[in-house]
Amino acid sequence: MRVRQTSKRGVGAYNEDRVAAAGEWAFVLDGATAPSGVESGCIHGVTWLVDRLSESLQALMDTDMSLADVLACAISRVRYAHGGHCDLANPDSPSATAALARHSDQGLDYLVLADSAVLFALEDGGVRAVSDTRVDRLPGGRPYPRQLVRASRNTPGGFWVASTAPEAAYEAVTGTVRTNEFALLSDGCTRLVEYYGHSWEAVWNHLRVRGPKALVDWVRAEERSKGVPLGKVHDDATALHARLAAQPVRSLAPLGG
């Protein structure tokens, strides 16, 4: 698998995105920065969470477990690593989004939890983007009240993230496709579509032709010239593009999520 990737810090003190790839798998994590004044009940920060989660995923991605099982096991390991010092029932505990992909005998397996994205090529030359948009469908519209977000996180009818609940992994959007080319993006890159109205095809073509660094540079140029309607002026932005050994490109129905 040939991989190109980049990850750039936004306006925060630290980059809370993580990206990794090896063999025939890859993943992107995007740590969720807690609003000022929120009590997480945890002595650890978001960077600690994404570091531990990344380490656990890297140790598990080569196993025979499904991607949902891999993520659930990784969350369980991180939960144990809190060491009994944190309130793991606190819904504001540090959390992250996850986008995982791995080649299997059936094709490319993918998993998306929260608002990162997986893109892949279609046999007709188009591109399909898969993301988990449940956080965008909370009642009342953005910006959401803190209490609504708190009550909806990792709750049926709300939205799901990688935090302290291993069962969140089984709420992810999952599927399998026949493709030899895919991309993983954190939401610092998907704002090209969500904020600035570019098509997924344009994002895909820019990424595969010019590369991940050029895609993030495009994001930054749009942020400077057009502003940001919601969220950070510059979010952490991570992009990965991977090409597998050639194989037929044929979409399959999603397996769940």
Protein backbone atom coordinates (compact mmCIF):
# COMPACT_ATOMS: atom_id res chain seq x y z
CA MET A 1 0.00 0.00 0.00
CA ARG A 2 1.39 3.38 -1.03
CA VAL A 3 0.46 6.09 1.46
CA ARG A 4 0.77 9.86 1.51
CA GLN A 5 -0.32 11.76 4.59
CA THR A 6 -0.07 15.06 6.42
CA SER A 7 -1.39 16.52 9.65
CA LYS A 8 -1.23 20.20 10.56
CA ARG A 9 -2.08 21.93 13.81
CA GLY A 10 -4.82 24.55 13.84
CA VAL A 11 -5.08 27.42 16.32
CA GLY A 12 -4.68 25.28 19.45
CA ALA A 13 -1.46 24.73 21.37
CA TYR A 14 -1.33 21.10 20.23
CA ASN A 15 -2.38 19.06 17.23
CA GLU A 16 -5.10 16.73 18.53
CA ASP A 17 -5.36 14.74 15.28
CA ARG A 18 -3.49 11.46 14.84
CA VAL A 19 -2.82 9.49 11.67
CA ALA A 20 -1.16 6.11 11.15
CA ALA A 21 -0.78 3.54 8.38
CA ALA A 22 1.08 0.26 7.91
CA GLY A 23 0.68 -2.87 5.83
CA GLU A 24 -2.84 -2.64 4.40
CA TRP A 25 -4.54 -0.47 7.02
CA ALA A 26 -4.78 3.18 8.00
CA PHE A 27 -6.67 5.38 10.42
CA VAL A 28 -7.25 9.00 11.37
CA LEU A 29 -8.31 10.22 14.81
CA ASP A 30 -9.55 13.71 15.63
CA GLY A 31 -9.57 14.67 19.30
CA ALA A 32 -12.50 16.80 20.43
CA THR A 33 -11.41 19.96 22.22
CA ALA A 34 -13.63 20.64 25.23
CA PRO A 35 -15.13 24.14 25.46
CA SER A 36 -13.64 26.42 28.08
CA GLY A 37 -15.07 25.82 31.53
CA VAL A 38 -16.25 22.26 30.91
CA GLU A 39 -15.37 19.84 33.72
CA SER A 40 -14.39 16.56 32.09
CA GLY A 41 -13.92 14.56 35.27
CA CYS A 42 -10.59 13.40 33.83
CA ILE A 43 -7.03 14.26 34.87
CA HIS A 44 -5.86 13.58 31.31
CA GLY A 45 -6.23 15.80 28.27
CA VAL A 46 -7.35 15.15 24.72
CA THR A 47 -3.79 14.66 23.48
CA TRP A 48 -3.32 11.89 26.05
CA LEU A 49 -6.51 10.21 24.83
CA VAL A 50 -5.62 10.29 21.13
CA ASP A 51 -2.07 9.12 21.84
CA ARG A 52 -3.31 6.14 23.87
CA LEU A 53 -6.06 5.35 21.36
CA SER A 54 -3.60 5.55 18.46
CA GLU A 55 -1.16 3.21 20.20
CA SER A 56 -3.91 0.70 20.92
CA LEU A 57 -5.27 0.79 17.38
CA GLN A 58 -1.82 0.27 15.88
CA ALA A 59 -1.42 -2.83 18.04
CA LEU A 60 -4.78 -4.24 16.94
CA MET A 61 -5.27 -3.36 13.27
CA ASP A 62 -3.36 -6.42 12.02
CA THR A 63 -5.56 -8.85 13.95
CA ASP A 64 -8.50 -10.83 12.52
CA MET A 65 -11.02 -8.80 14.53
CA SER A 66 -13.60 -6.69 12.71
CA LEU A 67 -12.90 -2.97 12.69
CA ALA A 68 -15.71 -2.44 15.18
CA ASP A 69 -14.14 -5.01 17.50
CA VAL A 70 -10.73 -3.38 17.01
CA LEU A 71 -12.07 0.03 17.99
CA ALA A 72 -14.05 -1.36 20.93
CA CYS A 73 -10.97 -3.16 22.22
CA ALA A 74 -8.84 -0.02 21.79
CA ILE A 75 -11.36 2.05 23.73
CA SER A 76 -11.38 -0.60 26.47
CA ARG A 77 -7.59 -0.42 26.70
CA VAL A 78 -7.68 3.36 27.00
CA ARG A 79 -10.42 3.10 29.59
CA TYR A 80 -8.15 0.84 31.65
CA ALA A 81 -5.22 3.25 31.17
CA HIS A 82 -7.14 5.97 33.02
CA GLY A 83 -6.03 4.01 36.07
CA GLY A 84 -9.04 4.58 38.28
CA HIS A 85 -8.25 8.28 38.68
CA CYS A 86 -11.00 9.65 36.43
CA ASP A 87 -14.80 9.81 36.36
CA LEU A 88 -15.37 7.60 33.33
CA ALA A 89 -19.14 8.10 33.55
CA ASN A 90 -18.75 11.83 32.87
CA PRO A 91 -20.14 12.47 29.35
CA ASP A 92 -17.60 15.30 28.92
CA SER A 93 -14.64 12.92 29.28
CA PRO A 94 -12.04 13.47 26.50
CA SER A 95 -13.16 11.97 23.19
CA ALA A 96 -12.24 11.60 19.54
CA THR A 97 -13.66 10.79 16.14
CA ALA A 98 -12.28 7.83 14.21
CA ALA A 99 -11.96 6.83 10.55
CA LEU A 100 -10.45 3.37 9.96
CA ALA A 101 -9.78 1.44 6.76
CA ARG A 102 -8.24 -1.98 6.17
CA HIS A 103 -7.90 -4.25 3.16
CA SER A 104 -9.46 -7.70 3.52
CA ASP A 105 -10.37 -10.64 1.28
CA GLN A 106 -13.74 -8.98 0.65
CA GLY A 107 -12.30 -5.59 -0.30
CA LEU A 108 -11.71 -2.44 1.70
CA ASP A 109 -13.39 -2.49 5.10
CA TYR A 110 -14.08 0.93 6.60
CA LEU A 111 -15.43 2.36 9.83
CA VAL A 112 -16.38 5.96 10.61
CA LEU A 113 -17.34 7.20 14.06
CA ALA A 114 -18.38 10.87 14.31
CA ASP A 115 -17.43 13.52 11.80
CA SER A 116 -14.27 12.33 10.08
CA ALA A 117 -14.67 10.88 6.57
CA VAL A 118 -13.61 8.03 4.30
CA LEU A 119 -13.48 8.61 0.53
CA PHE A 120 -12.99 5.98 -2.15
CA ALA A 121 -12.98 5.65 -5.91
CA LEU A 122 -15.94 4.17 -7.80
CA GLU A 123 -15.79 2.13 -10.99
CA ASP A 124 -17.51 4.90 -12.97
CA GLY A 125 -14.71 7.33 -12.12
CA GLY A 126 -16.66 9.06 -9.37
CA VAL A 127 -15.99 9.19 -5.67
CA ARG A 128 -18.07 8.28 -2.65
CA ALA A 129 -17.68 9.93 0.75
CA VAL A 130 -18.80 8.19 3.93
CA SER A 131 -19.17 10.11 7.16
CA ASP A 132 -21.16 9.90 10.38
CA THR A 133 -23.43 12.95 10.40
CA ARG A 134 -25.47 12.28 13.53
CA VAL A 135 -23.85 15.17 15.38
CA ASP A 136 -25.24 17.48 12.68
CA ARG A 137 -28.80 16.28 13.27
CA LEU A 138 -29.32 17.26 16.90
CA PRO A 139 -32.48 19.31 17.48
CA GLY A 140 -32.46 23.09 17.27
CA GLY A 141 -29.56 23.63 14.90
CA ARG A 142 -26.05 24.91 15.57
CA PRO A 143 -24.58 26.30 17.71
CA TYR A 144 -25.88 23.66 20.11
CA PRO A 145 -26.33 24.38 23.83
CA ARG A 146 -23.70 22.62 25.91
CA GLN A 147 -26.30 20.70 27.85
CA LEU A 148 -27.79 19.28 24.64
CA VAL A 149 -24.39 18.07 23.45
CA ARG A 150 -23.64 16.61 26.86
CA ALA A 151 -26.95 14.75 27.00
CA SER A 152 -26.60 13.48 23.41
CA ARG A 153 -23.03 12.20 23.50
CA ASN A 154 -22.78 8.38 23.37
CA THR A 155 -26.53 8.12 23.83
CA PRO A 156 -29.11 6.33 21.62
CA GLY A 157 -30.73 8.95 19.41
CA GLY A 158 -27.74 11.25 19.86
CA PHE A 159 -24.23 10.81 18.49
CA TRP A 160 -21.29 8.54 19.27
CA VAL A 161 -17.58 9.15 19.82
CA ALA A 162 -14.51 7.21 20.95
CA SER A 163 -14.18 8.03 24.63
CA THR A 164 -14.86 5.74 27.60
CA ALA A 165 -17.67 3.55 26.20
CA PRO A 166 -16.44 0.58 24.11
CA GLU A 167 -20.00 0.00 22.87
CA ALA A 168 -19.73 3.23 20.85
CA ALA A 169 -17.65 1.30 18.32
CA TYR A 170 -20.69 -0.77 17.35
CA GLU A 171 -22.64 2.39 16.54
CA ALA A 172 -20.15 3.41 13.86
CA VAL A 173 -20.89 3.57 10.14
CA THR A 174 -19.25 0.52 8.56
CA GLY A 175 -19.07 -1.10 5.16
CA THR A 176 -16.94 -2.87 2.56
CA VAL A 177 -16.12 -1.76 -0.99
CA ARG A 178 -14.07 -3.07 -3.88
CA THR A 179 -11.56 -0.30 -4.53
CA ASN A 180 -7.83 0.17 -4.84
CA GLU A 181 -7.73 3.79 -3.69
CA PHE A 182 -9.07 5.58 -0.63
CA ALA A 183 -8.62 8.63 1.57
CA LEU A 184 -9.21 9.49 5.22
CA LEU A 185 -9.93 13.06 6.32
CA SER A 186 -10.46 14.77 9.65
CA ASP A 187 -13.14 17.46 9.78
CA GLY A 188 -10.46 20.12 9.45
CA CYS A 189 -10.36 19.03 5.79
CA THR A 190 -14.01 18.13 5.21
CA ARG A 191 -14.92 21.78 5.79
CA LEU A 192 -13.95 22.27 2.13
CA VAL A 193 -17.29 20.61 1.37
CA GLU A 194 -19.29 21.49 4.48
CA TYR A 195 -18.32 25.17 4.75
CA TYR A 196 -17.10 26.19 1.32
CA GLY A 197 -19.34 24.23 -1.02
CA HIS A 198 -16.73 22.28 -2.96
CA SER A 199 -17.72 18.85 -4.23
CA TRP A 200 -16.29 15.62 -2.92
CA GLU A 201 -15.05 14.98 -6.45
CA ALA A 202 -13.05 18.23 -6.35
CA VAL A 203 -11.59 17.35 -2.96
CA TRP A 204 -10.71 13.83 -4.14
CA ASN A 205 -9.06 15.01 -7.35
CA HIS A 206 -7.07 17.69 -5.53
CA LEU A 207 -5.89 15.15 -2.98
CA ARG A 208 -4.93 12.35 -5.36
CA VAL A 209 -3.21 14.66 -7.90
CA ARG A 210 -1.55 17.24 -5.65
CA GLY A 211 -1.31 15.32 -2.40
CA PRO A 212 -2.39 15.75 1.22
CA LYS A 213 -0.22 18.78 1.98
CA ALA A 214 -1.71 20.67 -0.96
CA LEU A 215 -5.21 19.76 0.23
CA VAL A 216 -4.56 21.24 3.67
CA ASP A 217 -3.03 24.32 2.04
CA TRP A 218 -6.28 24.70 0.09
CA VAL A 219 -8.25 24.50 3.33
CA ARG A 220 -6.12 27.23 4.90
CA ALA A 221 -6.49 29.46 1.84
CA GLU A 222 -10.29 29.12 1.97
CA GLU A 223 -10.32 29.87 5.71
CA ARG A 224 -8.29 33.03 5.20
CA SER A 225 -10.28 34.31 2.25
CA LYS A 226 -13.83 33.34 3.26
CA GLY A 227 -13.78 33.00 7.03
CA VAL A 228 -15.28 30.21 9.12
CA PRO A 229 -19.02 30.20 9.91
CA LEU A 230 -18.67 27.84 12.91
CA GLY A 231 -15.85 26.45 15.01
CA LYS A 232 -12.17 27.31 14.99
CA VAL A 233 -10.63 29.71 12.47
CA HIS A 234 -8.09 26.98 11.70
CA ASP A 235 -8.89 23.47 12.92
CA ASP A 236 -6.34 20.68 13.07
CA ALA A 237 -6.37 19.22 9.56
CA THR A 238 -5.32 15.70 8.60
CA ALA A 239 -5.46 13.99 5.21
CA LEU A 240 -4.30 10.55 4.08
CA HIS A 241 -4.39 9.10 0.58
CA ALA A 242 -3.63 5.42 -0.02
CA ARG A 243 -3.38 3.22 -3.09
CA LEU A 244 -3.65 -0.56 -2.77
CA ALA A 245 -2.52 -3.21 -5.21
CA ALA A 246 -4.75 -3.05 -8.31
CA GLN A 247 -8.10 -4.83 -8.03
CA PRO A 248 -11.56 -4.40 -9.54
CA VAL A 249 -13.46 -1.34 -8.34
CA ARG A 250 -17.02 -2.24 -7.41
CA SER A 251 -19.17 -0.77 -4.66
CA LEU A 252 -20.87 -3.10 -2.19
CA ALA A 253 -23.80 -2.31 0.07
CA PRO A 254 -22.86 -1.00 3.53
CA LEU A 255 -22.70 -3.74 6.13
CA GLY A 256 -24.15 -1.70 8.97
CA GLY A 257 -24.11 1.57 10.90
